[in-house]
Amino acid sequence: MVIKVFLASSSGSTAIKKKQQDVVGFLEALKVDYTQLDIACNEENRMWMRQNVPVDKKPTNGIPLPPQIFNEDSYCGDYDTFFDAKEDNSVYAFLGLPPPPGSKEAEQAAKVLGVENGTPAEEPKADGSVDASAEVPVEERNGDAHGEEEQAADEEEVEGEGEGGEEEDVADEETAGDEALAEEEEEAVEETDEANAQEEDEQEEADEDREEEAE
């Protein structure tokens, strides 16, 4: 893409000469490739410029004055619009060119793109690093921390319930063991009582037999 600057090399207007010098000097400072097309010495250039300036951009008399700026065949603007773009740090956008990396215009474009995409651009620190926390709103960071606290509390509650359940299981097992031991003791007592009763019966029968023999 070639930037075309239409100017008049032999203009008698001091204002026009100054405007032409401002445009050319600024383009050279930005190291933008451009071509000067003289309308004073070349009738073809003058006719092409007049025909390709949009109607709504022409002055009341219909004759546009230099300097007029084009990107190939696309109209960029006149001196006034160029000056406004320079004040807004948007000359590359005015010319239809991509801004070079690291330029103010490139940084502004990145911020605008970030806002449109919903992700604000990161602001570099003094040392050139970027604060990662700037990417996440404070409310969201606090929400994450609160969520982690609630999750930790839930886990502790679950662990507490698990420990309580284990204690209850141990208590149930001990109770069941005590009941079984009591039953065994009762059975042993009953067996002892039965054995004693049987011995008493046998002793009585033996005594009766001896008494009968004595008679």
C-alpha atoms as a PDB file:
ATOM      1  CA  MET A   1       0.000   0.000   0.000  1.00  0.00           C
ATOM      2  CA  VAL A   2       1.353   3.383  -1.039  1.00  0.00           C
ATOM      3  CA  ILE A   3       0.338   6.626   0.637  1.00  0.00           C
ATOM      4  CA  LYS A   4      -0.219   9.371  -1.917  1.00  0.00           C
ATOM      5  CA  VAL A   5       0.082  13.019  -0.911  1.00  0.00           C
ATOM      6  CA  PHE A   6      -1.232  15.474  -3.498  1.00  0.00           C
ATOM      7  CA  LEU A   7       0.373  18.896  -3.088  1.00  0.00           C
ATOM      8  CA  ALA A   8       1.182  22.028  -5.075  1.00  0.00           C
ATOM      9  CA  SER A   9       4.884  22.719  -5.348  1.00  0.00           C
ATOM     10  CA  SER A  10       4.390  26.254  -6.616  1.00  0.00           C
ATOM     11  CA  SER A  11       1.427  27.383  -4.526  1.00  0.00           C
ATOM     12  CA  GLY A  12       1.264  31.078  -3.755  1.00  0.00           C
ATOM     13  CA  SER A  13      -0.540  30.439  -0.465  1.00  0.00           C
ATOM     14  CA  THR A  14       1.673  30.431   2.627  1.00  0.00           C
ATOM     15  CA  ALA A  15      -0.991  28.522   4.593  1.00  0.00           C
ATOM     16  CA  ILE A  16      -1.117  25.746   1.989  1.00  0.00           C
ATOM     17  CA  LYS A  17       2.680  25.465   1.929  1.00  0.00           C
ATOM     18  CA  LYS A  18       2.810  25.183   5.711  1.00  0.00           C
ATOM     19  CA  LYS A  19       0.118  22.487   5.766  1.00  0.00           C
ATOM     20  CA  GLN A  20       1.931  20.504   3.065  1.00  0.00           C
ATOM     21  CA  GLN A  21       5.188  20.718   5.028  1.00  0.00           C
ATOM     22  CA  ASP A  22       3.455  19.548   8.222  1.00  0.00           C
ATOM     23  CA  VAL A  23       1.999  16.470   6.518  1.00  0.00           C
ATOM     24  CA  VAL A  24       5.203  15.499   4.712  1.00  0.00           C
ATOM     25  CA  GLY A  25       7.398  16.147   7.750  1.00  0.00           C
ATOM     26  CA  PHE A  26       5.187  14.044  10.050  1.00  0.00           C
ATOM     27  CA  LEU A  27       5.081  11.131   7.579  1.00  0.00           C
ATOM     28  CA  GLU A  28       8.867  11.204   7.333  1.00  0.00           C
ATOM     29  CA  ALA A  29       9.164  11.259  11.139  1.00  0.00           C
ATOM     30  CA  LEU A  30       6.982   8.152  11.308  1.00  0.00           C
ATOM     31  CA  LYS A  31       9.029   6.567   8.503  1.00  0.00           C
ATOM     32  CA  VAL A  32       5.878   5.985   6.469  1.00  0.00           C
ATOM     33  CA  ASP A  33       6.445   5.294   2.788  1.00  0.00           C
ATOM     34  CA  TYR A  34       4.627   7.883   0.706  1.00  0.00           C
ATOM     35  CA  THR A  35       4.654   9.455  -2.744  1.00  0.00           C
ATOM     36  CA  GLN A  36       4.324  13.156  -3.503  1.00  0.00           C
ATOM     37  CA  LEU A  37       2.130  13.973  -6.483  1.00  0.00           C
ATOM     38  CA  ASP A  38       2.375  17.565  -7.714  1.00  0.00           C
ATOM     39  CA  ILE A  39      -0.864  19.027  -9.030  1.00  0.00           C
ATOM     40  CA  ALA A  40       0.752  22.337 -10.055  1.00  0.00           C
ATOM     41  CA  CYS A  41       2.987  20.822 -12.723  1.00  0.00           C
ATOM     42  CA  ASN A  42       0.881  17.793 -13.652  1.00  0.00           C
ATOM     43  CA  GLU A  43      -2.655  18.291 -14.912  1.00  0.00           C
ATOM     44  CA  GLU A  44      -3.358  14.571 -14.752  1.00  0.00           C
ATOM     45  CA  ASN A  45      -2.591  14.496 -11.027  1.00  0.00           C
ATOM     46  CA  ARG A  46      -4.813  17.528 -10.434  1.00  0.00           C
ATOM     47  CA  MET A  47      -7.745  15.995 -12.295  1.00  0.00           C
ATOM     48  CA  TRP A  48      -7.350  12.624 -10.554  1.00  0.00           C
ATOM     49  CA  MET A  49      -7.299  14.288  -7.119  1.00  0.00           C
ATOM     50  CA  ARG A  50     -10.413  16.358  -7.835  1.00  0.00           C
ATOM     51  CA  GLN A  51     -12.312  13.350  -9.192  1.00  0.00           C
ATOM     52  CA  ASN A  52     -11.458  10.988  -6.294  1.00  0.00           C
ATOM     53  CA  VAL A  53     -12.105  13.281  -3.349  1.00  0.00           C
ATOM     54  CA  PRO A  54     -15.611  12.310  -2.129  1.00  0.00           C
ATOM     55  CA  VAL A  55     -18.309  14.853  -2.843  1.00  0.00           C
ATOM     56  CA  ASP A  56     -19.189  15.296   0.823  1.00  0.00           C
ATOM     57  CA  LYS A  57     -15.537  16.089   1.569  1.00  0.00           C
ATOM     58  CA  LYS A  58     -15.210  18.829  -1.056  1.00  0.00           C
ATOM     59  CA  PRO A  59     -15.511  22.520  -0.152  1.00  0.00           C
ATOM     60  CA  THR A  60     -18.491  24.601  -1.183  1.00  0.00           C
ATOM     61  CA  ASN A  61     -16.926  25.603  -4.503  1.00  0.00           C
ATOM     62  CA  GLY A  62     -16.281  21.923  -5.314  1.00  0.00           C
ATOM     63  CA  ILE A  63     -12.507  22.349  -5.743  1.00  0.00           C
ATOM     64  CA  PRO A  64     -10.468  20.546  -3.049  1.00  0.00           C
ATOM     65  CA  LEU A  65      -7.203  22.222  -2.065  1.00  0.00           C
ATOM     66  CA  PRO A  66      -3.928  20.465  -1.299  1.00  0.00           C
ATOM     67  CA  PRO A  67      -2.731  18.658   0.636  1.00  0.00           C
ATOM     68  CA  GLN A  68      -5.051  15.699  -0.018  1.00  0.00           C
ATOM     69  CA  ILE A  69      -4.057  12.226   1.220  1.00  0.00           C
ATOM     70  CA  PHE A  70      -4.893   8.821  -0.286  1.00  0.00           C
ATOM     71  CA  ASN A  71      -3.991   5.207   0.445  1.00  0.00           C
ATOM     72  CA  GLU A  72      -3.690   3.894  -3.112  1.00  0.00           C
ATOM     73  CA  ASP A  73      -7.150   4.810  -4.483  1.00  0.00           C
ATOM     74  CA  SER A  74      -8.834   5.077  -1.067  1.00  0.00           C
ATOM     75  CA  TYR A  75      -9.373   8.595   0.233  1.00  0.00           C
ATOM     76  CA  CYS A  76      -7.939   9.274   3.702  1.00  0.00           C
ATOM     77  CA  GLY A  77      -8.608  12.979   4.188  1.00  0.00           C
ATOM     78  CA  ASP A  78      -7.320  16.516   3.962  1.00  0.00           C
ATOM     79  CA  TYR A  79      -5.039  18.478   6.276  1.00  0.00           C
ATOM     80  CA  ASP A  80      -7.721  19.136   8.918  1.00  0.00           C
ATOM     81  CA  THR A  81      -8.632  15.454   9.336  1.00  0.00           C
ATOM     82  CA  PHE A  82      -4.941  14.545   9.282  1.00  0.00           C
ATOM     83  CA  PHE A  83      -4.269  17.064  12.057  1.00  0.00           C
ATOM     84  CA  ASP A  84      -7.136  15.667  14.158  1.00  0.00           C
ATOM     85  CA  ALA A  85      -5.768  12.140  13.739  1.00  0.00           C
ATOM     86  CA  LYS A  86      -2.317  13.320  14.795  1.00  0.00           C
ATOM     87  CA  GLU A  87      -3.742  14.894  17.941  1.00  0.00           C
ATOM     88  CA  ASP A  88      -5.620  11.659  18.772  1.00  0.00           C
ATOM     89  CA  ASN A  89      -2.575   9.406  18.145  1.00  0.00           C
ATOM     90  CA  SER A  90      -4.490   7.665  15.369  1.00  0.00           C
ATOM     91  CA  VAL A  91      -2.513   8.619  12.258  1.00  0.00           C
ATOM     92  CA  TYR A  92      -1.987   4.993  11.213  1.00  0.00           C
ATOM     93  CA  ALA A  93      -5.726   4.340  11.396  1.00  0.00           C
ATOM     94  CA  PHE A  94      -6.275   7.535   9.402  1.00  0.00           C
ATOM     95  CA  LEU A  95      -3.860   6.284   6.746  1.00  0.00           C
ATOM     96  CA  GLY A  96      -5.357   2.758   6.776  1.00  0.00           C
ATOM     97  CA  LEU A  97      -2.061   1.245   7.961  1.00  0.00           C
ATOM     98  CA  PRO A  98      -1.424  -1.163  10.879  1.00  0.00           C
ATOM     99  CA  PRO A  99       0.359   0.626  13.749  1.00  0.00           C
ATOM    100  CA  PRO A 100       3.867  -0.660  14.511  1.00  0.00           C
ATOM    101  CA  PRO A 101       4.247  -2.751  17.707  1.00  0.00           C
ATOM    102  CA  GLY A 102       5.105  -0.686  20.759  1.00  0.00           C
ATOM    103  CA  SER A 103       3.624   2.547  19.438  1.00  0.00           C
ATOM    104  CA  LYS A 104       1.027   4.495  21.429  1.00  0.00           C
ATOM    105  CA  GLU A 105      -1.532   3.831  18.720  1.00  0.00           C
ATOM    106  CA  ALA A 106      -0.883   0.076  18.924  1.00  0.00           C
ATOM    107  CA  GLU A 107      -1.369   0.139  22.714  1.00  0.00           C
ATOM    108  CA  GLN A 108      -4.612   2.085  22.344  1.00  0.00           C
ATOM    109  CA  ALA A 109      -5.843  -0.359  19.703  1.00  0.00           C
ATOM    110  CA  ALA A 110      -5.050  -3.299  22.010  1.00  0.00           C
ATOM    111  CA  LYS A 111      -7.015  -1.687  24.848  1.00  0.00           C
ATOM    112  CA  VAL A 112     -10.010  -1.032  22.606  1.00  0.00           C
ATOM    113  CA  LEU A 113      -9.889  -4.610  21.309  1.00  0.00           C
ATOM    114  CA  GLY A 114      -9.683  -5.939  24.865  1.00  0.00           C
ATOM    115  CA  VAL A 115     -12.729  -3.915  25.958  1.00  0.00           C
ATOM    116  CA  GLU A 116     -14.725  -5.098  22.937  1.00  0.00           C
ATOM    117  CA  ASN A 117     -13.850  -8.723  23.756  1.00  0.00           C
ATOM    118  CA  GLY A 118     -14.710  -8.253  27.428  1.00  0.00           C
ATOM    119  CA  THR A 119     -11.125  -8.730  28.618  1.00  0.00           C
ATOM    120  CA  PRO A 120      -9.523  -5.471  29.715  1.00  0.00           C
ATOM    121  CA  ALA A 121      -5.930  -5.094  28.586  1.00  0.00           C
ATOM    122  CA  GLU A 122      -3.267  -5.665  31.229  1.00  0.00           C
ATOM    123  CA  GLU A 123      -1.453  -2.576  32.470  1.00  0.00           C
ATOM    124  CA  PRO A 124       2.317  -3.070  32.628  1.00  0.00           C
ATOM    125  CA  LYS A 125       4.121  -2.224  35.853  1.00  0.00           C
ATOM    126  CA  ALA A 126       7.163   0.013  36.100  1.00  0.00           C
ATOM    127  CA  ASP A 127       9.461  -2.984  35.670  1.00  0.00           C
ATOM    128  CA  GLY A 128       7.584  -4.128  32.561  1.00  0.00           C
ATOM    129  CA  SER A 129       5.805  -7.032  34.271  1.00  0.00           C
ATOM    130  CA  VAL A 130       2.055  -7.460  34.353  1.00  0.00           C
ATOM    131  CA  ASP A 131      -0.128  -7.917  37.410  1.00  0.00           C
ATOM    132  CA  ALA A 132      -2.060 -11.135  36.761  1.00  0.00           C
ATOM    133  CA  SER A 133      -4.589 -10.229  39.465  1.00  0.00           C
ATOM    134  CA  ALA A 134      -5.722  -7.328  37.295  1.00  0.00           C
ATOM    135  CA  GLU A 135      -7.326  -9.806  34.928  1.00  0.00           C
ATOM    136  CA  VAL A 136      -9.819 -10.953  37.565  1.00  0.00           C
ATOM    137  CA  PRO A 137     -12.220  -8.491  39.253  1.00  0.00           C
ATOM    138  CA  VAL A 138     -11.912  -8.157  43.021  1.00  0.00           C
ATOM    139  CA  GLU A 139     -15.432  -9.502  43.505  1.00  0.00           C
ATOM    140  CA  GLU A 140     -14.598 -12.689  41.623  1.00  0.00           C
ATOM    141  CA  ARG A 141     -11.338 -13.203  43.524  1.00  0.00           C
ATOM    142  CA  ASN A 142     -13.193 -12.746  46.835  1.00  0.00           C
ATOM    143  CA  GLY A 143     -15.885 -15.099  45.616  1.00  0.00           C
ATOM    144  CA  ASP A 144     -13.304 -17.778  44.864  1.00  0.00           C
ATOM    145  CA  ALA A 145     -11.748 -17.405  48.308  1.00  0.00           C
ATOM    146  CA  HIS A 146     -15.169 -17.600  49.943  1.00  0.00           C
ATOM    147  CA  GLY A 147     -15.986 -20.685  47.916  1.00  0.00           C
ATOM    148  CA  GLU A 148     -12.750 -22.364  49.013  1.00  0.00           C
ATOM    149  CA  GLU A 149     -13.549 -21.604  52.677  1.00  0.00           C
ATOM    150  CA  GLU A 150     -17.021 -23.111  52.318  1.00  0.00           C
ATOM    151  CA  GLN A 151     -15.573 -26.195  50.630  1.00  0.00           C
ATOM    152  CA  ALA A 152     -13.016 -26.635  53.433  1.00  0.00           C
ATOM    153  CA  ALA A 153     -15.790 -26.282  56.052  1.00  0.00           C
ATOM    154  CA  ASP A 154     -17.899 -28.898  54.252  1.00  0.00           C
ATOM    155  CA  GLU A 155     -14.957 -31.316  54.140  1.00  0.00           C
ATOM    156  CA  GLU A 156     -14.324 -30.843  57.871  1.00  0.00           C
ATOM    157  CA  GLU A 157     -18.000 -31.450  58.583  1.00  0.00           C
ATOM    158  CA  VAL A 158     -17.979 -34.635  56.523  1.00  0.00           C
ATOM    159  CA  GLU A 159     -14.828 -35.839  58.302  1.00  0.00           C
ATOM    160  CA  GLY A 160     -16.437 -35.078  61.656  1.00  0.00           C
ATOM    161  CA  GLU A 161     -19.511 -37.060  60.711  1.00  0.00           C
ATOM    162  CA  GLY A 162     -17.292 -39.950  59.600  1.00  0.00           C
ATOM    163  CA  GLU A 163     -15.405 -39.968  62.898  1.00  0.00           C
ATOM    164  CA  GLY A 164     -18.660 -39.764  64.842  1.00  0.00           C
ATOM    165  CA  GLY A 165     -20.045 -42.666  62.850  1.00  0.00           C
ATOM    166  CA  GLU A 166     -16.955 -44.757  63.606  1.00  0.00           C
ATOM    167  CA  GLU A 167     -17.305 -44.020  67.324  1.00  0.00           C
ATOM    168  CA  GLU A 168     -20.947 -45.054  67.213  1.00  0.00           C
ATOM    169  CA  ASP A 169     -20.010 -48.287  65.434  1.00  0.00           C
ATOM    170  CA  VAL A 170     -17.381 -49.039  68.086  1.00  0.00           C
ATOM    171  CA  ALA A 171     -19.894 -48.328  70.847  1.00  0.00           C
ATOM    172  CA  ASP A 172     -22.459 -50.622  69.220  1.00  0.00           C
ATOM    173  CA  GLU A 173     -19.875 -53.380  68.934  1.00  0.00           C
ATOM    174  CA  GLU A 174     -18.913 -53.003  72.609  1.00  0.00           C
ATOM    175  CA  THR A 175     -22.564 -53.101  73.643  1.00  0.00           C
ATOM    176  CA  ALA A 176     -23.173 -56.224  71.595  1.00  0.00           C
ATOM    177  CA  GLY A 177     -20.088 -57.856  73.169  1.00  0.00           C
ATOM    178  CA  ASP A 178     -21.288 -57.018  76.684  1.00  0.00           C
ATOM    179  CA  GLU A 179     -24.715 -58.499  75.958  1.00  0.00           C
ATOM    180  CA  ALA A 180     -23.156 -61.702  74.590  1.00  0.00           C
ATOM    181  CA  LEU A 181     -20.910 -62.020  77.665  1.00  0.00           C
ATOM    182  CA  ALA A 182     -23.878 -61.522  79.975  1.00  0.00           C
ATOM    183  CA  GLU A 183     -25.810 -64.243  78.168  1.00  0.00           C
ATOM    184  CA  GLU A 184     -22.864 -66.627  78.490  1.00  0.00           C
ATOM    185  CA  GLU A 185     -22.604 -65.917  82.209  1.00  0.00           C
ATOM    186  CA  GLU A 186     -26.314 -66.531  82.676  1.00  0.00           C
ATOM    187  CA  GLU A 187     -26.060 -69.831  80.831  1.00  0.00           C
ATOM    188  CA  ALA A 188     -23.081 -70.865  82.980  1.00  0.00           C
ATOM    189  CA  VAL A 189     -25.011 -70.057  86.169  1.00  0.00           C
ATOM    190  CA  GLU A 190     -28.000 -72.034  84.978  1.00  0.00           C
ATOM    191  CA  GLU A 191     -25.786 -75.024  84.148  1.00  0.00           C
ATOM    192  CA  THR A 192     -24.137 -74.806  87.590  1.00  0.00           C
ATOM    193  CA  ASP A 193     -27.512 -74.694  89.309  1.00  0.00           C
ATOM    194  CA  GLU A 194     -28.704 -77.713  87.358  1.00  0.00           C
ATOM    195  CA  ALA A 195     -25.530 -79.645  88.243  1.00  0.00           C
ATOM    196  CA  ASN A 196     -25.918 -78.819  91.926  1.00  0.00           C
ATOM    197  CA  ALA A 197     -29.549 -79.894  91.904  1.00  0.00           C
ATOM    198  CA  GLN A 198     -28.633 -83.175  90.252  1.00  0.00           C
ATOM    199  CA  GLU A 199     -25.923 -83.837  92.860  1.00  0.00           C
ATOM    200  CA  GLU A 200     -28.388 -83.169  95.657  1.00  0.00           C
ATOM    201  CA  ASP A 201     -30.882 -85.598  94.132  1.00  0.00           C
ATOM    202  CA  GLU A 202     -28.209 -88.278  93.811  1.00  0.00           C
ATOM    203  CA  GLN A 203     -27.089 -87.695  97.414  1.00  0.00           C
ATOM    204  CA  GLU A 204     -30.649 -88.063  98.680  1.00  0.00           C
ATOM    205  CA  GLU A 205     -31.092 -91.332  96.779  1.00  0.00           C
ATOM    206  CA  ALA A 206     -27.795 -92.622  98.168  1.00  0.00           C
ATOM    207  CA  ASP A 207     -28.900 -91.770 101.731  1.00  0.00           C
ATOM    208  CA  GLU A 208     -32.210 -93.512 101.249  1.00  0.00           C
ATOM    209  CA  ASP A 209     -30.455 -96.642  99.956  1.00  0.00           C
ATOM    210  CA  ARG A 210     -28.171 -96.765 102.995  1.00  0.00           C
ATOM    211  CA  GLU A 211     -31.130 -96.358 105.387  1.00  0.00           C
ATOM    212  CA  GLU A 212     -32.951 -99.246 103.711  1.00  0.00           C
ATOM    213  CA  GLU A 213     -29.904-101.474 103.979  1.00  0.00           C
ATOM    214  CA  ALA A 214     -29.522-100.624 107.638  1.00  0.00           C
ATOM    215  CA  GLU A 215     -33.079-101.697 108.407  1.00  0.00           C
END
